[in-house]
Amino acid sequence: MIGKGPRSEAVMQAIRRNHGVYFAAT
């Protein structure tokens, strides 16, 4: 996922659970 700003705990858990990544764009 690409966006800006922090994410919720549920999203962070989903990222870890699914071995994903969240990118920040300027």
mmCIF file of all heavy atoms, coordinates in Angstrom:
data_MODEL
# 
_entry.id   MODEL 
# 
loop_
_atom_site.group_PDB 
_atom_site.id 
_atom_site.type_symbol 
_atom_site.label_atom_id 
_atom_site.label_alt_id 
_atom_site.label_comp_id 
_atom_site.label_asym_id 
_atom_site.label_entity_id 
_atom_site.label_seq_id 
_atom_site.pdbx_PDB_ins_code 
_atom_site.Cartn_x 
_atom_site.Cartn_y 
_atom_site.Cartn_z 
_atom_site.occupancy 
_atom_site.B_iso_or_equiv 
_atom_site.pdbx_formal_charge 
_atom_site.auth_seq_id 
_atom_site.auth_comp_id 
_atom_site.auth_asym_id 
_atom_site.auth_atom_id 
_atom_site.pdbx_PDB_model_num 
ATOM 1   N N   . MET A 1 1  ? 0.862  -1.173  0.000  1.00 0.00 ? 1  MET A N   1 
ATOM 2   C CA  . MET A 1 1  ? 0.000  0.000   0.000  1.00 0.00 ? 1  MET A CA  1 
ATOM 3   C C   . MET A 1 1  ? 0.898  1.221   0.000  1.00 0.00 ? 1  MET A C   1 
ATOM 4   O O   . MET A 1 1  ? 1.969  1.199   0.614  1.00 0.00 ? 1  MET A O   1 
ATOM 5   C CB  . MET A 1 1  ? -0.897 0.006   1.243  1.00 0.00 ? 1  MET A CB  1 
ATOM 6   C CG  . MET A 1 1  ? -1.872 -1.173  1.286  1.00 0.00 ? 1  MET A CG  1 
ATOM 7   S SD  . MET A 1 1  ? -2.559 -1.461  2.936  1.00 0.00 ? 1  MET A SD  1 
ATOM 8   C CE  . MET A 1 1  ? -1.211 -2.343  3.713  1.00 0.00 ? 1  MET A CE  1 
ATOM 9   N N   . ILE A 1 2  ? 0.453  2.265   -0.698 1.00 0.00 ? 2  ILE A N   1 
ATOM 10  C CA  . ILE A 1 2  ? 1.196  3.524   -0.756 1.00 0.00 ? 2  ILE A CA  1 
ATOM 11  C C   . ILE A 1 2  ? 0.250  4.636   -0.329 1.00 0.00 ? 2  ILE A C   1 
ATOM 12  O O   . ILE A 1 2  ? -0.862 4.736   -0.839 1.00 0.00 ? 2  ILE A O   1 
ATOM 13  C CB  . ILE A 1 2  ? 1.690  3.827   -2.182 1.00 0.00 ? 2  ILE A CB  1 
ATOM 14  C CG1 . ILE A 1 2  ? 2.561  2.701   -2.723 1.00 0.00 ? 2  ILE A CG1 1 
ATOM 15  C CG2 . ILE A 1 2  ? 2.433  5.174   -2.212 1.00 0.00 ? 2  ILE A CG2 1 
ATOM 16  C CD1 . ILE A 1 2  ? 2.849  2.815   -4.218 1.00 0.00 ? 2  ILE A CD1 1 
ATOM 17  N N   . GLY A 1 3  ? 0.700  5.480   0.580  1.00 0.00 ? 3  GLY A N   1 
ATOM 18  C CA  . GLY A 1 3  ? -0.109 6.600   1.019  1.00 0.00 ? 3  GLY A CA  1 
ATOM 19  C C   . GLY A 1 3  ? 0.720  7.554   1.841  1.00 0.00 ? 3  GLY A C   1 
ATOM 20  O O   . GLY A 1 3  ? 1.934  7.646   1.662  1.00 0.00 ? 3  GLY A O   1 
ATOM 21  N N   . LYS A 1 4  ? 0.049  8.241   2.746  1.00 0.00 ? 4  LYS A N   1 
ATOM 22  C CA  . LYS A 1 4  ? 0.774  9.107   3.676  1.00 0.00 ? 4  LYS A CA  1 
ATOM 23  C C   . LYS A 1 4  ? 0.113  9.016   5.036  1.00 0.00 ? 4  LYS A C   1 
ATOM 24  O O   . LYS A 1 4  ? -1.102 8.842   5.138  1.00 0.00 ? 4  LYS A O   1 
ATOM 25  C CB  . LYS A 1 4  ? 0.845  10.546  3.176  1.00 0.00 ? 4  LYS A CB  1 
ATOM 26  C CG  . LYS A 1 4  ? -0.476 11.268  3.107  1.00 0.00 ? 4  LYS A CG  1 
ATOM 27  C CD  . LYS A 1 4  ? -0.293 12.695  2.615  1.00 0.00 ? 4  LYS A CD  1 
ATOM 28  C CE  . LYS A 1 4  ? -1.658 13.387  2.606  1.00 0.00 ? 4  LYS A CE  1 
ATOM 29  N NZ  . LYS A 1 4  ? -1.582 14.747  2.118  1.00 0.00 ? 4  LYS A NZ  1 
ATOM 30  N N   . GLY A 1 5  ? 0.927  9.109   6.065  1.00 0.00 ? 5  GLY A N   1 
ATOM 31  C CA  . GLY A 1 5  ? 0.432  9.094   7.427  1.00 0.00 ? 5  GLY A CA  1 
ATOM 32  C C   . GLY A 1 5  ? 0.412  7.725   8.054  1.00 0.00 ? 5  GLY A C   1 
ATOM 33  O O   . GLY A 1 5  ? 0.524  6.708   7.375  1.00 0.00 ? 5  GLY A O   1 
ATOM 34  N N   . PRO A 1 6  ? 0.291  7.710   9.390  1.00 0.00 ? 6  PRO A N   1 
ATOM 35  C CA  . PRO A 1 6  ? 0.304  6.446   10.134 1.00 0.00 ? 6  PRO A CA  1 
ATOM 36  C C   . PRO A 1 6  ? -0.925 5.598   9.860  1.00 0.00 ? 6  PRO A C   1 
ATOM 37  O O   . PRO A 1 6  ? -1.921 6.076   9.339  1.00 0.00 ? 6  PRO A O   1 
ATOM 38  C CB  . PRO A 1 6  ? 0.364  6.892   11.593 1.00 0.00 ? 6  PRO A CB  1 
ATOM 39  C CG  . PRO A 1 6  ? -0.058 8.309   11.613 1.00 0.00 ? 6  PRO A CG  1 
ATOM 40  C CD  . PRO A 1 6  ? 0.178  8.875   10.246 1.00 0.00 ? 6  PRO A CD  1 
ATOM 41  N N   . ARG A 1 7  ? -0.821 4.314   10.257 1.00 0.00 ? 7  ARG A N   1 
ATOM 42  C CA  . ARG A 1 7  ? -1.902 3.344   10.068 1.00 0.00 ? 7  ARG A CA  1 
ATOM 43  C C   . ARG A 1 7  ? -2.391 2.844   11.419 1.00 0.00 ? 7  ARG A C   1 
ATOM 44  O O   . ARG A 1 7  ? -1.701 2.912   12.422 1.00 0.00 ? 7  ARG A O   1 
ATOM 45  C CB  . ARG A 1 7  ? -1.412 2.142   9.238  1.00 0.00 ? 7  ARG A CB  1 
ATOM 46  C CG  . ARG A 1 7  ? -0.787 2.474   7.888  1.00 0.00 ? 7  ARG A CG  1 
ATOM 47  C CD  . ARG A 1 7  ? -1.639 3.321   6.975  1.00 0.00 ? 7  ARG A CD  1 
ATOM 48  N NE  . ARG A 1 7  ? -2.931 2.773   6.615  1.00 0.00 ? 7  ARG A NE  1 
ATOM 49  C CZ  . ARG A 1 7  ? -3.166 2.005   5.565  1.00 0.00 ? 7  ARG A CZ  1 
ATOM 50  N NH1 . ARG A 1 7  ? -2.186 1.697   4.747  1.00 0.00 ? 7  ARG A NH1 1 
ATOM 51  N NH2 . ARG A 1 7  ? -4.381 1.576   5.307  1.00 0.00 ? 7  ARG A NH2 1 
ATOM 52  N N   . SER A 1 8  ? -3.581 2.267   11.413 1.00 0.00 ? 8  SER A N   1 
ATOM 53  C CA  . SER A 1 8  ? -4.172 1.725   12.640 1.00 0.00 ? 8  SER A CA  1 
ATOM 54  C C   . SER A 1 8  ? -3.466 0.431   13.044 1.00 0.00 ? 8  SER A C   1 
ATOM 55  O O   . SER A 1 8  ? -2.775 -0.204  12.242 1.00 0.00 ? 8  SER A O   1 
ATOM 56  C CB  . SER A 1 8  ? -5.659 1.440   12.428 1.00 0.00 ? 8  SER A CB  1 
ATOM 57  O OG  . SER A 1 8  ? -5.825 0.337   11.543 1.00 0.00 ? 8  SER A OG  1 
ATOM 58  N N   . GLU A 1 9  ? -3.689 0.031   14.280 1.00 0.00 ? 9  GLU A N   1 
ATOM 59  C CA  . GLU A 1 9  ? -3.116 -1.230  14.769 1.00 0.00 ? 9  GLU A CA  1 
ATOM 60  C C   . GLU A 1 9  ? -3.626 -2.407  13.942 1.00 0.00 ? 9  GLU A C   1 
ATOM 61  O O   . GLU A 1 9  ? -2.869 -3.334  13.646 1.00 0.00 ? 9  GLU A O   1 
ATOM 62  C CB  . GLU A 1 9  ? -3.445 -1.428  16.253 1.00 0.00 ? 9  GLU A CB  1 
ATOM 63  C CG  . GLU A 1 9  ? -2.836 -2.677  16.852 1.00 0.00 ? 9  GLU A CG  1 
ATOM 64  C CD  . GLU A 1 9  ? -1.312 -2.739  16.775 1.00 0.00 ? 9  GLU A CD  1 
ATOM 65  O OE1 . GLU A 1 9  ? -0.646 -1.690  16.873 1.00 0.00 ? 9  GLU A OE1 1 
ATOM 66  O OE2 . GLU A 1 9  ? -0.770 -3.859  16.616 1.00 0.00 ? 9  GLU A OE2 1 
ATOM 67  N N   . ALA A 1 10 ? -4.891 -2.392  13.540 1.00 0.00 ? 10 ALA A N   1 
ATOM 68  C CA  . ALA A 1 10 ? -5.448 -3.489  12.733 1.00 0.00 ? 10 ALA A CA  1 
ATOM 69  C C   . ALA A 1 10 ? -4.728 -3.606  11.394 1.00 0.00 ? 10 ALA A C   1 
ATOM 70  O O   . ALA A 1 10 ? -4.457 -4.715  10.920 1.00 0.00 ? 10 ALA A O   1 
ATOM 71  C CB  . ALA A 1 10 ? -6.941 -3.285  12.517 1.00 0.00 ? 10 ALA A CB  1 
ATOM 72  N N   . VAL A 1 11 ? -4.399 -2.491  10.769 1.00 0.00 ? 11 VAL A N   1 
ATOM 73  C CA  . VAL A 1 11 ? -3.676 -2.526  9.496  1.00 0.00 ? 11 VAL A CA  1 
ATOM 74  C C   . VAL A 1 11 ? -2.255 -3.013  9.729  1.00 0.00 ? 11 VAL A C   1 
ATOM 75  O O   . VAL A 1 11 ? -1.739 -3.841  8.958  1.00 0.00 ? 11 VAL A O   1 
ATOM 76  C CB  . VAL A 1 11 ? -3.685 -1.140  8.804  1.00 0.00 ? 11 VAL A CB  1 
ATOM 77  C CG1 . VAL A 1 11 ? -2.803 -1.143  7.568  1.00 0.00 ? 11 VAL A CG1 1 
ATOM 78  C CG2 . VAL A 1 11 ? -5.112 -0.756  8.435  1.00 0.00 ? 11 VAL A CG2 1 
ATOM 79  N N   . MET A 1 12 ? -1.604 -2.548  10.794 1.00 0.00 ? 12 MET A N   1 
ATOM 80  C CA  . MET A 1 12 ? -0.239 -3.001  11.070 1.00 0.00 ? 12 MET A CA  1 
ATOM 81  C C   . MET A 1 12 ? -0.208 -4.510  11.309 1.00 0.00 ? 12 MET A C   1 
ATOM 82  O O   . MET A 1 12 ? 0.690  -5.202  10.826 1.00 0.00 ? 12 MET A O   1 
ATOM 83  C CB  . MET A 1 12 ? 0.358  -2.229  12.245 1.00 0.00 ? 12 MET A CB  1 
ATOM 84  C CG  . MET A 1 12 ? 0.631  -0.775  11.880 1.00 0.00 ? 12 MET A CG  1 
ATOM 85  S SD  . MET A 1 12 ? 1.510  0.160   13.135 1.00 0.00 ? 12 MET A SD  1 
ATOM 86  C CE  . MET A 1 12 ? 0.292  0.278   14.417 1.00 0.00 ? 12 MET A CE  1 
ATOM 87  N N   . GLN A 1 13 ? -1.202 -5.033  12.015 1.00 0.00 ? 13 GLN A N   1 
ATOM 88  C CA  . GLN A 1 13 ? -1.285 -6.476  12.224 1.00 0.00 ? 13 GLN A CA  1 
ATOM 89  C C   . GLN A 1 13 ? -1.486 -7.214  10.906 1.00 0.00 ? 13 GLN A C   1 
ATOM 90  O O   . GLN A 1 13 ? -0.889 -8.267  10.678 1.00 0.00 ? 13 GLN A O   1 
ATOM 91  C CB  . GLN A 1 13 ? -2.409 -6.806  13.197 1.00 0.00 ? 13 GLN A CB  1 
ATOM 92  C CG  . GLN A 1 13 ? -2.116 -6.424  14.620 1.00 0.00 ? 13 GLN A CG  1 
ATOM 93  C CD  . GLN A 1 13 ? -3.307 -6.662  15.541 1.00 0.00 ? 13 GLN A CD  1 
ATOM 94  O OE1 . GLN A 1 13 ? -4.319 -7.255  15.161 1.00 0.00 ? 13 GLN A OE1 1 
ATOM 95  N NE2 . GLN A 1 13 ? -3.187 -6.183  16.771 1.00 0.00 ? 13 GLN A NE2 1 
ATOM 96  N N   . ALA A 1 14 ? -2.332 -6.672  10.027 1.00 0.00 ? 14 ALA A N   1 
ATOM 97  C CA  . ALA A 1 14 ? -2.577 -7.294  8.722  1.00 0.00 ? 14 ALA A CA  1 
ATOM 98  C C   . ALA A 1 14 ? -1.310 -7.289  7.874  1.00 0.00 ? 14 ALA A C   1 
ATOM 99  O O   . ALA A 1 14 ? -1.034 -8.261  7.160  1.00 0.00 ? 14 ALA A O   1 
ATOM 100 C CB  . ALA A 1 14 ? -3.715 -6.583  7.995  1.00 0.00 ? 14 ALA A CB  1 
ATOM 101 N N   . ILE A 1 15 ? -0.532 -6.211  7.945  1.00 0.00 ? 15 ILE A N   1 
ATOM 102 C CA  . ILE A 1 15 ? 0.733  -6.146  7.206  1.00 0.00 ? 15 ILE A CA  1 
ATOM 103 C C   . ILE A 1 15 ? 1.664  -7.241  7.701  1.00 0.00 ? 15 ILE A C   1 
ATOM 104 O O   . ILE A 1 15 ? 2.243  -8.002  6.905  1.00 0.00 ? 15 ILE A O   1 
ATOM 105 C CB  . ILE A 1 15 ? 1.374  -4.745  7.335  1.00 0.00 ? 15 ILE A CB  1 
ATOM 106 C CG1 . ILE A 1 15 ? 0.555  -3.713  6.558  1.00 0.00 ? 15 ILE A CG1 1 
ATOM 107 C CG2 . ILE A 1 15 ? 2.833  -4.769  6.843  1.00 0.00 ? 15 ILE A CG2 1 
ATOM 108 C CD1 . ILE A 1 15 ? 0.944  -2.272  6.840  1.00 0.00 ? 15 ILE A CD1 1 
ATOM 109 N N   . ARG A 1 16 ? 1.824  -7.366  9.012  1.00 0.00 ? 16 ARG A N   1 
ATOM 110 C CA  . ARG A 1 16 ? 2.708  -8.407  9.580  1.00 0.00 ? 16 ARG A CA  1 
ATOM 111 C C   . ARG A 1 16 ? 2.178  -9.798  9.246  1.00 0.00 ? 16 ARG A C   1 
ATOM 112 O O   . ARG A 1 16 ? 2.934  -10.678 8.821  1.00 0.00 ? 16 ARG A O   1 
ATOM 113 C CB  . ARG A 1 16 ? 2.836  -8.232  11.091 1.00 0.00 ? 16 ARG A CB  1 
ATOM 114 C CG  . ARG A 1 16 ? 3.740  -7.086  11.500 1.00 0.00 ? 16 ARG A CG  1 
ATOM 115 C CD  . ARG A 1 16 ? 4.038  -7.094  12.995 1.00 0.00 ? 16 ARG A CD  1 
ATOM 116 N NE  . ARG A 1 16 ? 2.852  -7.002  13.836 1.00 0.00 ? 16 ARG A NE  1 
ATOM 117 C CZ  . ARG A 1 16 ? 2.303  -5.873  14.245 1.00 0.00 ? 16 ARG A CZ  1 
ATOM 118 N NH1 . ARG A 1 16 ? 2.815  -4.713  13.899 1.00 0.00 ? 16 ARG A NH1 1 
ATOM 119 N NH2 . ARG A 1 16 ? 1.230  -5.888  15.011 1.00 0.00 ? 16 ARG A NH2 1 
ATOM 120 N N   . ARG A 1 17 ? 0.898  -10.010 9.450  1.00 0.00 ? 17 ARG A N   1 
ATOM 121 C CA  . ARG A 1 17 ? 0.282  -11.323 9.238  1.00 0.00 ? 17 ARG A CA  1 
ATOM 122 C C   . ARG A 1 17 ? 0.461  -11.802 7.799  1.00 0.00 ? 17 ARG A C   1 
ATOM 123 O O   . ARG A 1 17 ? 0.644  -12.983 7.539  1.00 0.00 ? 17 ARG A O   1 
ATOM 124 C CB  . ARG A 1 17 ? -1.206 -11.222 9.603  1.00 0.00 ? 17 ARG A CB  1 
ATOM 125 C CG  . ARG A 1 17 ? -2.006 -12.471 9.453  1.00 0.00 ? 17 ARG A CG  1 
ATOM 126 C CD  . ARG A 1 17 ? -3.424 -12.322 10.008 1.00 0.00 ? 17 ARG A CD  1 
ATOM 127 N NE  . ARG A 1 17 ? -4.232 -11.309 9.354  1.00 0.00 ? 17 ARG A NE  1 
ATOM 128 C CZ  . ARG A 1 17 ? -4.672 -10.182 9.938  1.00 0.00 ? 17 ARG A CZ  1 
ATOM 129 N NH1 . ARG A 1 17 ? -4.372 -9.901  11.189 1.00 0.00 ? 17 ARG A NH1 1 
ATOM 130 N NH2 . ARG A 1 17 ? -5.423 -9.320  9.266  1.00 0.00 ? 17 ARG A NH2 1 
ATOM 131 N N   . ASN A 1 18 ? 0.421  -10.860 6.858  1.00 0.00 ? 18 ASN A N   1 
ATOM 132 C CA  . ASN A 1 18 ? 0.472  -11.201 5.436  1.00 0.00 ? 18 ASN A CA  1 
ATOM 133 C C   . ASN A 1 18 ? 1.816  -10.872 4.786  1.00 0.00 ? 18 ASN A C   1 
ATOM 134 O O   . ASN A 1 18 ? 1.939  -10.948 3.567  1.00 0.00 ? 18 ASN A O   1 
ATOM 135 C CB  . ASN A 1 18 ? -0.668 -10.493 4.710  1.00 0.00 ? 18 ASN A CB  1 
ATOM 136 C CG  . ASN A 1 18 ? -2.011 -11.000 5.172  1.00 0.00 ? 18 ASN A CG  1 
ATOM 137 O OD1 . ASN A 1 18 ? -2.395 -12.118 4.868  1.00 0.00 ? 18 ASN A OD1 1 
ATOM 138 N ND2 . ASN A 1 18 ? -2.722 -10.201 5.958  1.00 0.00 ? 18 ASN A ND2 1 
ATOM 139 N N   . HIS A 1 19 ? 2.791  -10.501 5.606  1.00 0.00 ? 19 HIS A N   1 
ATOM 140 C CA  . HIS A 1 19 ? 4.152  -10.203 5.120  1.00 0.00 ? 19 HIS A CA  1 
ATOM 141 C C   . HIS A 1 19 ? 4.124  -9.146  4.022  1.00 0.00 ? 19 HIS A C   1 
ATOM 142 O O   . HIS A 1 19 ? 4.743  -9.296  2.975  1.00 0.00 ? 19 HIS A O   1 
ATOM 143 C CB  . HIS A 1 19 ? 4.846  -11.488 4.637  1.00 0.00 ? 19 HIS A CB  1 
ATOM 144 C CG  . HIS A 1 19 ? 4.760  -12.586 5.636  1.00 0.00 ? 19 HIS A CG  1 
ATOM 145 N ND1 . HIS A 1 19 ? 5.482  -12.581 6.809  1.00 0.00 ? 19 HIS A ND1 1 
ATOM 146 C CD2 . HIS A 1 19 ? 3.991  -13.703 5.675  1.00 0.00 ? 19 HIS A CD2 1 
ATOM 147 C CE1 . HIS A 1 19 ? 5.179  -13.661 7.503  1.00 0.00 ? 19 HIS A CE1 1 
ATOM 148 N NE2 . HIS A 1 19 ? 4.279  -14.358 6.847  1.00 0.00 ? 19 HIS A NE2 1 
ATOM 149 N N   . GLY A 1 20 ? 3.408  -8.064  4.302  1.00 0.00 ? 20 GLY A N   1 
ATOM 150 C CA  . GLY A 1 20 ? 3.267  -6.971  3.349  1.00 0.00 ? 20 GLY A CA  1 
ATOM 151 C C   . GLY A 1 20 ? 4.142  -5.791  3.695  1.00 0.00 ? 20 GLY A C   1 
ATOM 152 O O   . GLY A 1 20 ? 5.067  -5.889  4.522  1.00 0.00 ? 20 GLY A O   1 
ATOM 153 N N   . VAL A 1 21 ? 3.830  -4.663  3.080  1.00 0.00 ? 21 VAL A N   1 
ATOM 154 C CA  . VAL A 1 21 ? 4.606  -3.444  3.299  1.00 0.00 ? 21 VAL A CA  1 
ATOM 155 C C   . VAL A 1 21 ? 3.712  -2.237  3.029  1.00 0.00 ? 21 VAL A C   1 
ATOM 156 O O   . VAL A 1 21 ? 2.815  -2.292  2.181  1.00 0.00 ? 21 VAL A O   1 
ATOM 157 C CB  . VAL A 1 21 ? 5.863  -3.413  2.398  1.00 0.00 ? 21 VAL A CB  1 
ATOM 158 C CG1 . VAL A 1 21 ? 5.498  -3.387  0.917  1.00 0.00 ? 21 VAL A CG1 1 
ATOM 159 C CG2 . VAL A 1 21 ? 6.795  -2.275  2.755  1.00 0.00 ? 21 VAL A CG2 1 
ATOM 160 N N   . TYR A 1 22 ? 3.973  -1.183  3.790  1.00 0.00 ? 22 TYR A N   1 
ATOM 161 C CA  . TYR A 1 22 ? 3.288  0.088   3.578  1.00 0.00 ? 22 TYR A CA  1 
ATOM 162 C C   . TYR A 1 22 ? 4.355  1.121   3.252  1.00 0.00 ? 22 TYR A C   1 
ATOM 163 O O   . TYR A 1 22 ? 5.299  1.314   4.017  1.00 0.00 ? 22 TYR A O   1 
ATOM 164 C CB  . TYR A 1 22 ? 2.503  0.484   4.830  1.00 0.00 ? 22 TYR A CB  1 
ATOM 165 C CG  . TYR A 1 22 ? 1.966  1.895   4.837  1.00 0.00 ? 22 TYR A CG  1 
ATOM 166 C CD1 . TYR A 1 22 ? 1.143  2.365   3.808  1.00 0.00 ? 22 TYR A CD1 1 
ATOM 167 C CD2 . TYR A 1 22 ? 2.262  2.764   5.873  1.00 0.00 ? 22 TYR A CD2 1 
ATOM 168 C CE1 . TYR A 1 22 ? 0.640  3.659   3.816  1.00 0.00 ? 22 TYR A CE1 1 
ATOM 169 C CE2 . TYR A 1 22 ? 1.766  4.066   5.905  1.00 0.00 ? 22 TYR A CE2 1 
ATOM 170 C CZ  . TYR A 1 22 ? 0.953  4.504   4.870  1.00 0.00 ? 22 TYR A CZ  1 
ATOM 171 O OH  . TYR A 1 22 ? 0.464  5.781   4.889  1.00 0.00 ? 22 TYR A OH  1 
ATOM 172 N N   . PHE A 1 23 ? 4.199  1.737   2.089  1.00 0.00 ? 23 PHE A N   1 
ATOM 173 C CA  . PHE A 1 23 ? 5.130  2.761   1.627  1.00 0.00 ? 23 PHE A CA  1 
ATOM 174 C C   . PHE A 1 23 ? 4.532  4.142   1.845  1.00 0.00 ? 23 PHE A C   1 
ATOM 175 O O   . PHE A 1 23 ? 3.337  4.339   1.651  1.00 0.00 ? 23 PHE A O   1 
ATOM 176 C CB  . PHE A 1 23 ? 5.399  2.616   0.123  1.00 0.00 ? 23 PHE A CB  1 
ATOM 177 C CG  . PHE A 1 23 ? 6.007  1.322   -0.291 1.00 0.00 ? 23 PHE A CG  1 
ATOM 178 C CD1 . PHE A 1 23 ? 5.234  0.347   -0.903 1.00 0.00 ? 23 PHE A CD1 1 
ATOM 179 C CD2 . PHE A 1 23 ? 7.357  1.066   -0.093 1.00 0.00 ? 23 PHE A CD2 1 
ATOM 180 C CE1 . PHE A 1 23 ? 5.793  -0.849  -1.318 1.00 0.00 ? 23 PHE A CE1 1 
ATOM 181 C CE2 . PHE A 1 23 ? 7.923  -0.124  -0.495 1.00 0.00 ? 23 PHE A CE2 1 
ATOM 182 C CZ  . PHE A 1 23 ? 7.151  -1.095  -1.116 1.00 0.00 ? 23 PHE A CZ  1 
ATOM 183 N N   . ALA A 1 24 ? 5.380  5.093   2.190  1.00 0.00 ? 24 ALA A N   1 
ATOM 184 C CA  . ALA A 1 24 ? 4.959  6.485   2.278  1.00 0.00 ? 24 ALA A CA  1 
ATOM 185 C C   . ALA A 1 24 ? 5.425  7.200   1.018  1.00 0.00 ? 24 ALA A C   1 
ATOM 186 O O   . ALA A 1 24 ? 6.575  7.056   0.590  1.00 0.00 ? 24 ALA A O   1 
ATOM 187 C CB  . ALA A 1 24 ? 5.571  7.148   3.512  1.00 0.00 ? 24 ALA A CB  1 
ATOM 188 N N   . ALA A 1 25 ? 4.502  7.951   0.427  1.00 0.00 ? 25 ALA A N   1 
ATOM 189 C CA  . ALA A 1 25 ? 4.830  8.831   -0.696 1.00 0.00 ? 25 ALA A CA  1 
ATOM 190 C C   . ALA A 1 25 ? 4.813  10.251  -0.146 1.00 0.00 ? 25 ALA A C   1 
ATOM 191 O O   . ALA A 1 25 ? 4.107  10.546  0.820  1.00 0.00 ? 25 ALA A O   1 
ATOM 192 C CB  . ALA A 1 25 ? 3.810  8.675   -1.821 1.00 0.00 ? 25 ALA A CB  1 
ATOM 193 N N   . THR A 1 26 ? 5.572  11.112  -0.753 1.00 0.00 ? 26 THR A N   1 
ATOM 194 C CA  . THR A 1 26 ? 5.680  12.483  -0.262 1.00 0.00 ? 26 THR A CA  1 
ATOM 195 C C   . THR A 1 26 ? 4.439  13.288  -0.606 1.00 0.00 ? 26 THR A C   1 
ATOM 196 O O   . THR A 1 26 ? 4.120  13.475  -1.781 1.00 0.00 ? 26 THR A O   1 
ATOM 197 C CB  . THR A 1 26 ? 6.930  13.160  -0.851 1.00 0.00 ? 26 THR A CB  1 
ATOM 198 O OG1 . THR A 1 26 ? 8.072  12.374  -0.510 1.00 0.00 ? 26 THR A OG1 1 
ATOM 199 C CG2 . THR A 1 26 ? 7.102  14.559  -0.308 1.00 0.00 ? 26 THR A CG2 1 
# 
